[in-house]
Amino acid sequence: MTPKVKAFFDQQTFTVSYVVQEPAGTACAIIDSVLDFDHASGRTGTQAADQIIEYVKDNGLKVQWILESHVHADHLSAAPYLQQELGGKIGIGKNIVVVQDTFGKVFNEGTEFQRDGSQFDALFSEGDSFHIGQMRGDVLHTPGHTPACLTYVIGDAAFVGDTLFMPDFGTARCDFPGGSSATLYDSIQKILSLPDETRIFVGHDYKAPGRDEYAWETTVGEQKALNIHIGQGRSIEEFVEMRDARDATLAMPRLILPSLQVNMRAGQMPPPDEHGDVMMKLPVNKL
């Protein structure tokens, strides 16, 4: 099957969200949504998510899944807001429990923070499948960027999150807790074993030097031939050396601290205090 794919690009976070629709019906899934967040004021907004809601309603679509490719460190998820407005189940990889355990400690969340993934409606493992109407989706466990990264293969399309970028930009960083460049290499080989004509939809684009427009769709064949980090049969030793050296030069994402606190809770804010106020934590010298 060839699903209908509508992309929504959020230039504030360089994130691409997707509505994936069965080709001959109205069922759809939303992948990697964005909740607007102003870091300076701490205010949230729903402009990015509202564009998705408008598209879904205008086209008479029925949301069955709200999927996360991983726990994002560069934007907040709008999954609960979209679920409230459109329905659907929120899904993520089962290794969310590893991420919750790691960052539950970083943020000193205490025993009231559940580290069993129960904030999500579905936890996916390698080889699991799900349906969007009559269209089947298959789950690949593709860790390396984070322990819980998934690729969703839906018909002839693969939604890879942050594992791969456009061929002229390369691959994901691996220096977050639980990340591994060697593991990422193996995960990418799994993606590249899909048929060459498989469409790949990436989770971010940063407009590589020399390119005038943002882009987010490529193919397995293009990645194998042209990806500047992993293409043309680069060995695992070459990749790990390159990736680790590059990661050592990168700053932390601007929204990593609020993003992790929210996204490990399936997009829910931390619980309010006794006055009803929601507070984010700012751990010092932890990351």
C-alpha atoms as a PDB file:
ATOM      1  CA  MET A   1       0.000   0.000   0.000  1.00  0.00           C
ATOM      2  CA  THR A   2       1.004   3.581  -0.597  1.00  0.00           C
ATOM      3  CA  PRO A   3      -0.305   5.750   2.263  1.00  0.00           C
ATOM      4  CA  LYS A   4      -1.151   9.393   1.789  1.00  0.00           C
ATOM      5  CA  VAL A   5       1.363  11.466   3.760  1.00  0.00           C
ATOM      6  CA  LYS A   6       0.890  15.102   4.742  1.00  0.00           C
ATOM      7  CA  ALA A   7       3.887  16.819   6.350  1.00  0.00           C
ATOM      8  CA  PHE A   8       3.815  19.755   8.771  1.00  0.00           C
ATOM      9  CA  PHE A   9       7.140  21.558   9.260  1.00  0.00           C
ATOM     10  CA  ASP A  10       7.722  23.503  12.469  1.00  0.00           C
ATOM     11  CA  GLN A  11      10.508  25.965  11.753  1.00  0.00           C
ATOM     12  CA  GLN A  12      10.974  26.874  15.424  1.00  0.00           C
ATOM     13  CA  THR A  13      12.234  23.355  16.199  1.00  0.00           C
ATOM     14  CA  PHE A  14      12.966  22.133  12.646  1.00  0.00           C
ATOM     15  CA  THR A  15      10.589  19.233  13.356  1.00  0.00           C
ATOM     16  CA  VAL A  16       8.458  17.476  10.764  1.00  0.00           C
ATOM     17  CA  SER A  17       5.151  16.006  11.940  1.00  0.00           C
ATOM     18  CA  TYR A  18       3.107  13.723   9.719  1.00  0.00           C
ATOM     19  CA  VAL A  19      -0.496  12.717   9.123  1.00  0.00           C
ATOM     20  CA  VAL A  20      -0.464   9.266   7.524  1.00  0.00           C
ATOM     21  CA  GLN A  21      -3.742   8.207   5.891  1.00  0.00           C
ATOM     22  CA  GLU A  22      -4.840   4.886   4.450  1.00  0.00           C
ATOM     23  CA  PRO A  23      -5.028   5.238   0.653  1.00  0.00           C
ATOM     24  CA  ALA A  24      -8.699   4.338   0.224  1.00  0.00           C
ATOM     25  CA  GLY A  25     -10.245   5.417   3.518  1.00  0.00           C
ATOM     26  CA  THR A  26     -10.356   8.042   6.236  1.00  0.00           C
ATOM     27  CA  ALA A  27      -8.332   6.376   9.012  1.00  0.00           C
ATOM     28  CA  CYS A  28      -5.046   8.078   9.854  1.00  0.00           C
ATOM     29  CA  ALA A  29      -2.176   8.322  12.312  1.00  0.00           C
ATOM     30  CA  ILE A  30      -0.269  11.370  13.526  1.00  0.00           C
ATOM     31  CA  ILE A  31       3.484  10.979  13.983  1.00  0.00           C
ATOM     32  CA  ASP A  32       5.780  13.207  16.114  1.00  0.00           C
ATOM     33  CA  SER A  33       3.576  16.191  16.915  1.00  0.00           C
ATOM     34  CA  VAL A  34       4.798  19.512  18.339  1.00  0.00           C
ATOM     35  CA  LEU A  35       3.531  21.619  21.248  1.00  0.00           C
ATOM     36  CA  ASP A  36       4.734  25.215  20.933  1.00  0.00           C
ATOM     37  CA  PHE A  37       6.906  26.290  23.855  1.00  0.00           C
ATOM     38  CA  ASP A  38       8.548  29.645  24.480  1.00  0.00           C
ATOM     39  CA  HIS A  39      11.682  28.964  26.493  1.00  0.00           C
ATOM     40  CA  ALA A  40      12.052  32.527  27.756  1.00  0.00           C
ATOM     41  CA  SER A  41       8.527  32.857  29.183  1.00  0.00           C
ATOM     42  CA  GLY A  42       7.677  29.211  29.856  1.00  0.00           C
ATOM     43  CA  ARG A  43       4.437  29.597  27.888  1.00  0.00           C
ATOM     44  CA  THR A  44       2.949  26.856  25.748  1.00  0.00           C
ATOM     45  CA  GLY A  45       0.889  27.206  22.590  1.00  0.00           C
ATOM     46  CA  THR A  46      -0.981  25.002  20.157  1.00  0.00           C
ATOM     47  CA  GLN A  47      -0.423  26.707  16.801  1.00  0.00           C
ATOM     48  CA  ALA A  48       1.516  23.780  15.299  1.00  0.00           C
ATOM     49  CA  ALA A  49      -0.939  21.185  16.612  1.00  0.00           C
ATOM     50  CA  ASP A  50      -3.943  23.245  15.509  1.00  0.00           C
ATOM     51  CA  GLN A  51      -2.729  23.076  11.907  1.00  0.00           C
ATOM     52  CA  ILE A  52      -2.872  19.295  12.145  1.00  0.00           C
ATOM     53  CA  ILE A  53      -6.319  19.383  13.764  1.00  0.00           C
ATOM     54  CA  GLU A  54      -7.622  21.658  11.015  1.00  0.00           C
ATOM     55  CA  TYR A  55      -6.266  19.354   8.316  1.00  0.00           C
ATOM     56  CA  VAL A  56      -7.756  16.247   9.943  1.00  0.00           C
ATOM     57  CA  LYS A  57     -11.189  17.835  10.360  1.00  0.00           C
ATOM     58  CA  ASP A  58     -11.248  19.482   6.938  1.00  0.00           C
ATOM     59  CA  ASN A  59     -10.551  16.132   5.296  1.00  0.00           C
ATOM     60  CA  GLY A  60     -12.958  14.128   7.446  1.00  0.00           C
ATOM     61  CA  LEU A  61     -10.210  11.897   8.818  1.00  0.00           C
ATOM     62  CA  LYS A  62     -10.405   9.628  11.846  1.00  0.00           C
ATOM     63  CA  VAL A  63      -7.312   9.487  14.048  1.00  0.00           C
ATOM     64  CA  GLN A  64      -6.544   5.991  15.300  1.00  0.00           C
ATOM     65  CA  TRP A  65      -2.943   6.488  16.443  1.00  0.00           C
ATOM     66  CA  ILE A  66      -0.788   9.305  17.782  1.00  0.00           C
ATOM     67  CA  LEU A  67       2.706   7.879  17.456  1.00  0.00           C
ATOM     68  CA  GLU A  68       6.040   8.973  18.899  1.00  0.00           C
ATOM     69  CA  SER A  69       9.246   7.796  17.237  1.00  0.00           C
ATOM     70  CA  HIS A  70      11.105   8.376  20.544  1.00  0.00           C
ATOM     71  CA  VAL A  71      11.301  10.706  23.556  1.00  0.00           C
ATOM     72  CA  HIS A  72      12.257  13.928  21.805  1.00  0.00           C
ATOM     73  CA  ALA A  73      14.857  16.240  23.329  1.00  0.00           C
ATOM     74  CA  ASP A  74      14.257  19.247  21.091  1.00  0.00           C
ATOM     75  CA  HIS A  75      10.515  19.838  21.226  1.00  0.00           C
ATOM     76  CA  LEU A  76       7.529  19.090  23.421  1.00  0.00           C
ATOM     77  CA  SER A  77       4.931  16.596  22.207  1.00  0.00           C
ATOM     78  CA  ALA A  78       1.345  17.726  21.622  1.00  0.00           C
ATOM     79  CA  ALA A  79       0.020  14.153  21.912  1.00  0.00           C
ATOM     80  CA  PRO A  80      -2.396  14.719  24.842  1.00  0.00           C
ATOM     81  CA  TYR A  81      -3.873  17.824  23.229  1.00  0.00           C
ATOM     82  CA  LEU A  82      -4.366  16.030  19.922  1.00  0.00           C
ATOM     83  CA  GLN A  83      -5.888  13.033  21.692  1.00  0.00           C
ATOM     84  CA  GLN A  84      -8.306  15.311  23.521  1.00  0.00           C
ATOM     85  CA  GLU A  85      -9.383  16.979  20.269  1.00  0.00           C
ATOM     86  CA  LEU A  86      -9.247  14.045  17.840  1.00  0.00           C
ATOM     87  CA  GLY A  87      -9.061  10.760  19.772  1.00  0.00           C
ATOM     88  CA  GLY A  88      -6.615   7.969  19.004  1.00  0.00           C
ATOM     89  CA  LYS A  89      -4.140   5.958  21.060  1.00  0.00           C
ATOM     90  CA  ILE A  90      -0.679   7.255  21.987  1.00  0.00           C
ATOM     91  CA  GLY A  91       2.114   4.806  21.188  1.00  0.00           C
ATOM     92  CA  ILE A  92       5.885   4.643  21.669  1.00  0.00           C
ATOM     93  CA  GLY A  93       8.619   1.997  21.966  1.00  0.00           C
ATOM     94  CA  LYS A  94       8.660  -0.259  25.019  1.00  0.00           C
ATOM     95  CA  ASN A  95      12.136   0.970  25.933  1.00  0.00           C
ATOM     96  CA  ILE A  96      10.492   4.154  27.131  1.00  0.00           C
ATOM     97  CA  VAL A  97      10.890   2.504  30.532  1.00  0.00           C
ATOM     98  CA  VAL A  98      14.689   2.800  30.168  1.00  0.00           C
ATOM     99  CA  VAL A  99      14.369   6.485  29.326  1.00  0.00           C
ATOM    100  CA  GLN A 100      11.959   7.061  32.206  1.00  0.00           C
ATOM    101  CA  ASP A 101      14.309   5.386  34.649  1.00  0.00           C
ATOM    102  CA  THR A 102      17.304   7.397  33.422  1.00  0.00           C
ATOM    103  CA  PHE A 103      15.649  10.791  33.438  1.00  0.00           C
ATOM    104  CA  GLY A 104      13.461  10.104  36.444  1.00  0.00           C
ATOM    105  CA  LYS A 105      16.753  10.101  38.320  1.00  0.00           C
ATOM    106  CA  VAL A 106      18.145  13.158  36.499  1.00  0.00           C
ATOM    107  CA  PHE A 107      15.064  15.178  37.445  1.00  0.00           C
ATOM    108  CA  ASN A 108      14.733  13.613  40.917  1.00  0.00           C
ATOM    109  CA  GLU A 109      11.127  12.712  40.194  1.00  0.00           C
ATOM    110  CA  GLY A 110      10.603  10.471  43.205  1.00  0.00           C
ATOM    111  CA  THR A 111       8.453   7.388  43.552  1.00  0.00           C
ATOM    112  CA  GLU A 112       5.250   9.085  42.381  1.00  0.00           C
ATOM    113  CA  PHE A 113       6.602   9.170  38.808  1.00  0.00           C
ATOM    114  CA  GLN A 114       5.719   5.856  37.197  1.00  0.00           C
ATOM    115  CA  ARG A 115       8.600   4.327  35.240  1.00  0.00           C
ATOM    116  CA  ASP A 116       6.609   1.557  33.557  1.00  0.00           C
ATOM    117  CA  GLY A 117       5.391   3.347  30.428  1.00  0.00           C
ATOM    118  CA  SER A 118       1.834   3.416  31.737  1.00  0.00           C
ATOM    119  CA  GLN A 119       1.415   7.048  30.632  1.00  0.00           C
ATOM    120  CA  PHE A 120       1.154   5.705  27.062  1.00  0.00           C
ATOM    121  CA  ASP A 121      -1.668   3.664  25.563  1.00  0.00           C
ATOM    122  CA  ALA A 122       0.604   1.248  23.680  1.00  0.00           C
ATOM    123  CA  LEU A 123       4.241   0.175  23.992  1.00  0.00           C
ATOM    124  CA  PHE A 124       5.692  -1.328  20.819  1.00  0.00           C
ATOM    125  CA  SER A 125       8.418  -3.962  20.398  1.00  0.00           C
ATOM    126  CA  GLU A 126      10.408  -5.092  17.376  1.00  0.00           C
ATOM    127  CA  GLY A 127       8.126  -6.983  15.010  1.00  0.00           C
ATOM    128  CA  ASP A 128       4.866  -5.629  16.387  1.00  0.00           C
ATOM    129  CA  SER A 129       2.210  -4.466  13.945  1.00  0.00           C
ATOM    130  CA  PHE A 130      -0.793  -2.166  14.120  1.00  0.00           C
ATOM    131  CA  HIS A 131      -3.476  -1.015  11.723  1.00  0.00           C
ATOM    132  CA  ILE A 132      -4.605   2.334  10.389  1.00  0.00           C
ATOM    133  CA  GLY A 133      -7.961   1.337   8.978  1.00  0.00           C
ATOM    134  CA  GLN A 134      -7.161  -1.388   6.442  1.00  0.00           C
ATOM    135  CA  MET A 135      -3.487  -0.424   6.275  1.00  0.00           C
ATOM    136  CA  ARG A 136      -0.891  -2.285   8.314  1.00  0.00           C
ATOM    137  CA  GLY A 137       2.065  -0.678  10.042  1.00  0.00           C
ATOM    138  CA  ASP A 138       5.124  -2.588  11.223  1.00  0.00           C
ATOM    139  CA  VAL A 139       7.527  -1.647  13.989  1.00  0.00           C
ATOM    140  CA  LEU A 140      11.327  -1.681  13.762  1.00  0.00           C
ATOM    141  CA  HIS A 141      13.295  -1.120  16.960  1.00  0.00           C
ATOM    142  CA  THR A 142      16.031   1.293  15.848  1.00  0.00           C
ATOM    143  CA  PRO A 143      17.903   2.528  18.946  1.00  0.00           C
ATOM    144  CA  GLY A 144      21.181   4.427  19.053  1.00  0.00           C
ATOM    145  CA  HIS A 145      19.997   8.019  19.157  1.00  0.00           C
ATOM    146  CA  THR A 146      17.991   6.996  22.237  1.00  0.00           C
ATOM    147  CA  PRO A 147      17.194   3.536  23.674  1.00  0.00           C
ATOM    148  CA  ALA A 148      13.513   3.801  22.720  1.00  0.00           C
ATOM    149  CA  CYS A 149      13.730   4.878  19.064  1.00  0.00           C
ATOM    150  CA  LEU A 150      11.372   3.209  16.611  1.00  0.00           C
ATOM    151  CA  THR A 151      10.895   3.283  12.856  1.00  0.00           C
ATOM    152  CA  TYR A 152       7.304   2.881  11.707  1.00  0.00           C
ATOM    153  CA  VAL A 153       7.044   1.120   8.337  1.00  0.00           C
ATOM    154  CA  ILE A 154       3.599   1.843   6.917  1.00  0.00           C
ATOM    155  CA  GLY A 155       3.052   0.500   3.437  1.00  0.00           C
ATOM    156  CA  ASP A 156       5.872   1.785   1.236  1.00  0.00           C
ATOM    157  CA  ALA A 157       6.810   4.522   3.736  1.00  0.00           C
ATOM    158  CA  ALA A 158       9.216   4.449   6.693  1.00  0.00           C
ATOM    159  CA  PHE A 159       9.050   7.118   9.395  1.00  0.00           C
ATOM    160  CA  VAL A 160      12.512   7.084  10.948  1.00  0.00           C
ATOM    161  CA  GLY A 161      12.314   9.853  13.551  1.00  0.00           C
ATOM    162  CA  ASP A 162      15.810  11.181  14.263  1.00  0.00           C
ATOM    163  CA  THR A 163      17.712   8.047  13.214  1.00  0.00           C
ATOM    164  CA  LEU A 164      18.424   9.342   9.703  1.00  0.00           C
ATOM    165  CA  PHE A 165      18.248  12.811   8.230  1.00  0.00           C
ATOM    166  CA  MET A 166      18.235  13.824   4.579  1.00  0.00           C
ATOM    167  CA  PRO A 167      21.241  12.325   2.755  1.00  0.00           C
ATOM    168  CA  ASP A 168      23.085  15.660   2.632  1.00  0.00           C
ATOM    169  CA  PHE A 169      22.776  16.102   6.421  1.00  0.00           C
ATOM    170  CA  GLY A 170      23.570  12.595   7.632  1.00  0.00           C
ATOM    171  CA  THR A 171      22.549  10.887  10.853  1.00  0.00           C
ATOM    172  CA  ALA A 172      21.420  11.477  14.423  1.00  0.00           C
ATOM    173  CA  ARG A 173      23.649  12.317  17.361  1.00  0.00           C
ATOM    174  CA  CYS A 174      24.289   9.536  19.872  1.00  0.00           C
ATOM    175  CA  ASP A 175      25.635  11.348  22.933  1.00  0.00           C
ATOM    176  CA  PHE A 176      22.453  11.500  25.014  1.00  0.00           C
ATOM    177  CA  PRO A 177      22.251   9.073  27.988  1.00  0.00           C
ATOM    178  CA  GLY A 178      21.660   5.591  26.599  1.00  0.00           C
ATOM    179  CA  GLY A 179      22.798   6.535  23.114  1.00  0.00           C
ATOM    180  CA  SER A 180      25.386   4.574  21.129  1.00  0.00           C
ATOM    181  CA  SER A 181      26.938   5.231  17.734  1.00  0.00           C
ATOM    182  CA  ALA A 182      27.639   1.517  17.194  1.00  0.00           C
ATOM    183  CA  THR A 183      24.011   0.702  17.994  1.00  0.00           C
ATOM    184  CA  LEU A 184      22.838   3.454  15.655  1.00  0.00           C
ATOM    185  CA  TYR A 185      24.939   1.977  12.849  1.00  0.00           C
ATOM    186  CA  ASP A 186      23.219  -1.384  13.278  1.00  0.00           C
ATOM    187  CA  SER A 187      19.791   0.274  13.391  1.00  0.00           C
ATOM    188  CA  ILE A 188      20.469   2.170  10.188  1.00  0.00           C
ATOM    189  CA  GLN A 189      21.501  -1.054   8.439  1.00  0.00           C
ATOM    190  CA  LYS A 190      18.094  -2.449   9.403  1.00  0.00           C
ATOM    191  CA  ILE A 191      16.390   0.513   7.736  1.00  0.00           C
ATOM    192  CA  LEU A 192      18.631   0.296   4.678  1.00  0.00           C
ATOM    193  CA  SER A 193      17.679  -3.375   4.240  1.00  0.00           C
ATOM    194  CA  LEU A 194      14.176  -2.254   3.239  1.00  0.00           C
ATOM    195  CA  PRO A 195      13.485  -2.122  -0.527  1.00  0.00           C
ATOM    196  CA  ASP A 196      15.354   0.700  -2.281  1.00  0.00           C
ATOM    197  CA  GLU A 197      12.120   2.346  -3.391  1.00  0.00           C
ATOM    198  CA  THR A 198      10.826   2.636   0.207  1.00  0.00           C
ATOM    199  CA  ARG A 199      10.041   6.252   0.970  1.00  0.00           C
ATOM    200  CA  ILE A 200      11.844   7.575   4.037  1.00  0.00           C
ATOM    201  CA  PHE A 201      10.314  10.444   6.013  1.00  0.00           C
ATOM    202  CA  VAL A 202      12.718  12.091   8.459  1.00  0.00           C
ATOM    203  CA  GLY A 203      11.881  13.727  11.782  1.00  0.00           C
ATOM    204  CA  HIS A 204      13.878  16.937  11.297  1.00  0.00           C
ATOM    205  CA  ASP A 205      15.544  18.982   8.616  1.00  0.00           C
ATOM    206  CA  TYR A 206      18.122  21.713   9.117  1.00  0.00           C
ATOM    207  CA  LYS A 207      18.665  22.647   5.442  1.00  0.00           C
ATOM    208  CA  ALA A 208      22.197  21.422   4.801  1.00  0.00           C
ATOM    209  CA  PRO A 209      24.743  23.918   3.455  1.00  0.00           C
ATOM    210  CA  GLY A 210      24.175  24.558  -0.236  1.00  0.00           C
ATOM    211  CA  ARG A 211      20.482  23.580  -0.144  1.00  0.00           C
ATOM    212  CA  ASP A 212      17.895  26.355  -0.471  1.00  0.00           C
ATOM    213  CA  GLU A 213      14.760  24.560   0.724  1.00  0.00           C
ATOM    214  CA  TYR A 214      13.795  22.390   3.681  1.00  0.00           C
ATOM    215  CA  ALA A 215      13.159  18.761   2.747  1.00  0.00           C
ATOM    216  CA  TRP A 216      12.016  15.626   4.552  1.00  0.00           C
ATOM    217  CA  GLU A 217      11.323  12.857   2.013  1.00  0.00           C
ATOM    218  CA  THR A 218      13.950  10.606   0.475  1.00  0.00           C
ATOM    219  CA  THR A 219      14.290   6.880  -0.287  1.00  0.00           C
ATOM    220  CA  VAL A 220      16.270   3.935   0.984  1.00  0.00           C
ATOM    221  CA  GLY A 221      18.162   3.850  -2.310  1.00  0.00           C
ATOM    222  CA  GLU A 222      19.126   7.517  -2.017  1.00  0.00           C
ATOM    223  CA  GLN A 223      20.282   7.036   1.564  1.00  0.00           C
ATOM    224  CA  LYS A 224      22.453   4.056   0.624  1.00  0.00           C
ATOM    225  CA  ALA A 225      24.084   5.936  -2.235  1.00  0.00           C
ATOM    226  CA  LEU A 226      24.276   9.499  -0.948  1.00  0.00           C
ATOM    227  CA  ASN A 227      24.088   9.780   2.854  1.00  0.00           C
ATOM    228  CA  ILE A 228      27.207  11.699   3.865  1.00  0.00           C
ATOM    229  CA  HIS A 229      27.650   9.739   7.111  1.00  0.00           C
ATOM    230  CA  ILE A 230      26.559   6.218   6.283  1.00  0.00           C
ATOM    231  CA  GLY A 231      26.249   5.883   2.494  1.00  0.00           C
ATOM    232  CA  GLN A 232      28.363   3.900   0.034  1.00  0.00           C
ATOM    233  CA  GLY A 233      28.960   1.072   2.452  1.00  0.00           C
ATOM    234  CA  ARG A 234      30.837   2.986   5.160  1.00  0.00           C
ATOM    235  CA  SER A 235      32.137   0.576   7.801  1.00  0.00           C
ATOM    236  CA  ILE A 236      31.012   0.576  11.417  1.00  0.00           C
ATOM    237  CA  GLU A 237      34.526   1.586  12.509  1.00  0.00           C
ATOM    238  CA  GLU A 238      34.526   4.619  10.203  1.00  0.00           C
ATOM    239  CA  PHE A 239      31.033   5.597  11.263  1.00  0.00           C
ATOM    240  CA  VAL A 240      31.652   5.321  15.004  1.00  0.00           C
ATOM    241  CA  GLU A 241      34.850   7.370  14.767  1.00  0.00           C
ATOM    242  CA  MET A 242      33.110  10.081  12.747  1.00  0.00           C
ATOM    243  CA  ARG A 243      29.921  10.129  14.826  1.00  0.00           C
ATOM    244  CA  ASP A 244      31.627  10.232  18.222  1.00  0.00           C
ATOM    245  CA  ALA A 245      34.003  12.999  17.134  1.00  0.00           C
ATOM    246  CA  ARG A 246      31.133  15.047  15.727  1.00  0.00           C
ATOM    247  CA  ASP A 247      28.969  14.560  18.813  1.00  0.00           C
ATOM    248  CA  ALA A 248      31.760  15.880  21.033  1.00  0.00           C
ATOM    249  CA  THR A 249      31.379  19.275  19.328  1.00  0.00           C
ATOM    250  CA  LEU A 250      27.588  19.597  19.686  1.00  0.00           C
ATOM    251  CA  ALA A 251      25.764  21.699  22.265  1.00  0.00           C
ATOM    252  CA  MET A 252      22.700  20.377  24.082  1.00  0.00           C
ATOM    253  CA  PRO A 253      19.380  21.156  22.344  1.00  0.00           C
ATOM    254  CA  ARG A 254      17.834  24.416  23.558  1.00  0.00           C
ATOM    255  CA  LEU A 255      14.640  22.735  24.806  1.00  0.00           C
ATOM    256  CA  ILE A 256      16.112  19.497  26.129  1.00  0.00           C
ATOM    257  CA  LEU A 257      15.224  20.060  29.806  1.00  0.00           C
ATOM    258  CA  PRO A 258      11.533  20.927  29.380  1.00  0.00           C
ATOM    259  CA  SER A 259      11.159  18.455  26.503  1.00  0.00           C
ATOM    260  CA  LEU A 260      12.376  15.445  28.452  1.00  0.00           C
ATOM    261  CA  GLN A 261      10.260  16.214  31.505  1.00  0.00           C
ATOM    262  CA  VAL A 262       7.128  16.411  29.353  1.00  0.00           C
ATOM    263  CA  ASN A 263       7.794  13.780  26.706  1.00  0.00           C
ATOM    264  CA  MET A 264       8.706  10.995  29.145  1.00  0.00           C
ATOM    265  CA  ARG A 265       5.172  11.557  30.488  1.00  0.00           C
ATOM    266  CA  ALA A 266       3.571  11.057  27.037  1.00  0.00           C
ATOM    267  CA  GLY A 267       3.306  14.811  26.559  1.00  0.00           C
ATOM    268  CA  GLN A 268       1.720  15.545  29.938  1.00  0.00           C
ATOM    269  CA  MET A 269       3.099  18.346  32.072  1.00  0.00           C
ATOM    270  CA  PRO A 270       4.642  17.548  35.469  1.00  0.00           C
ATOM    271  CA  PRO A 271       1.978  17.422  38.203  1.00  0.00           C
ATOM    272  CA  PRO A 272       0.968  20.809  39.625  1.00  0.00           C
ATOM    273  CA  ASP A 273       2.043  21.908  43.078  1.00  0.00           C
ATOM    274  CA  GLU A 274      -0.286  22.639  45.986  1.00  0.00           C
ATOM    275  CA  HIS A 275      -1.201  25.980  44.394  1.00  0.00           C
ATOM    276  CA  GLY A 276      -2.079  24.412  41.062  1.00  0.00           C
ATOM    277  CA  ASP A 277       1.058  25.729  39.367  1.00  0.00           C
ATOM    278  CA  VAL A 278       3.124  23.573  37.012  1.00  0.00           C
ATOM    279  CA  MET A 279       6.878  23.852  37.511  1.00  0.00           C
ATOM    280  CA  MET A 280       9.771  22.563  35.424  1.00  0.00           C
ATOM    281  CA  LYS A 281      13.029  21.496  37.033  1.00  0.00           C
ATOM    282  CA  LEU A 282      16.435  22.786  35.970  1.00  0.00           C
ATOM    283  CA  PRO A 283      19.046  20.233  37.084  1.00  0.00           C
ATOM    284  CA  VAL A 284      22.512  21.729  37.305  1.00  0.00           C
ATOM    285  CA  ASN A 285      25.563  19.913  35.898  1.00  0.00           C
ATOM    286  CA  LYS A 286      23.545  16.787  35.123  1.00  0.00           C
ATOM    287  CA  LEU A 287      23.718  16.721  31.305  1.00  0.00           C
END
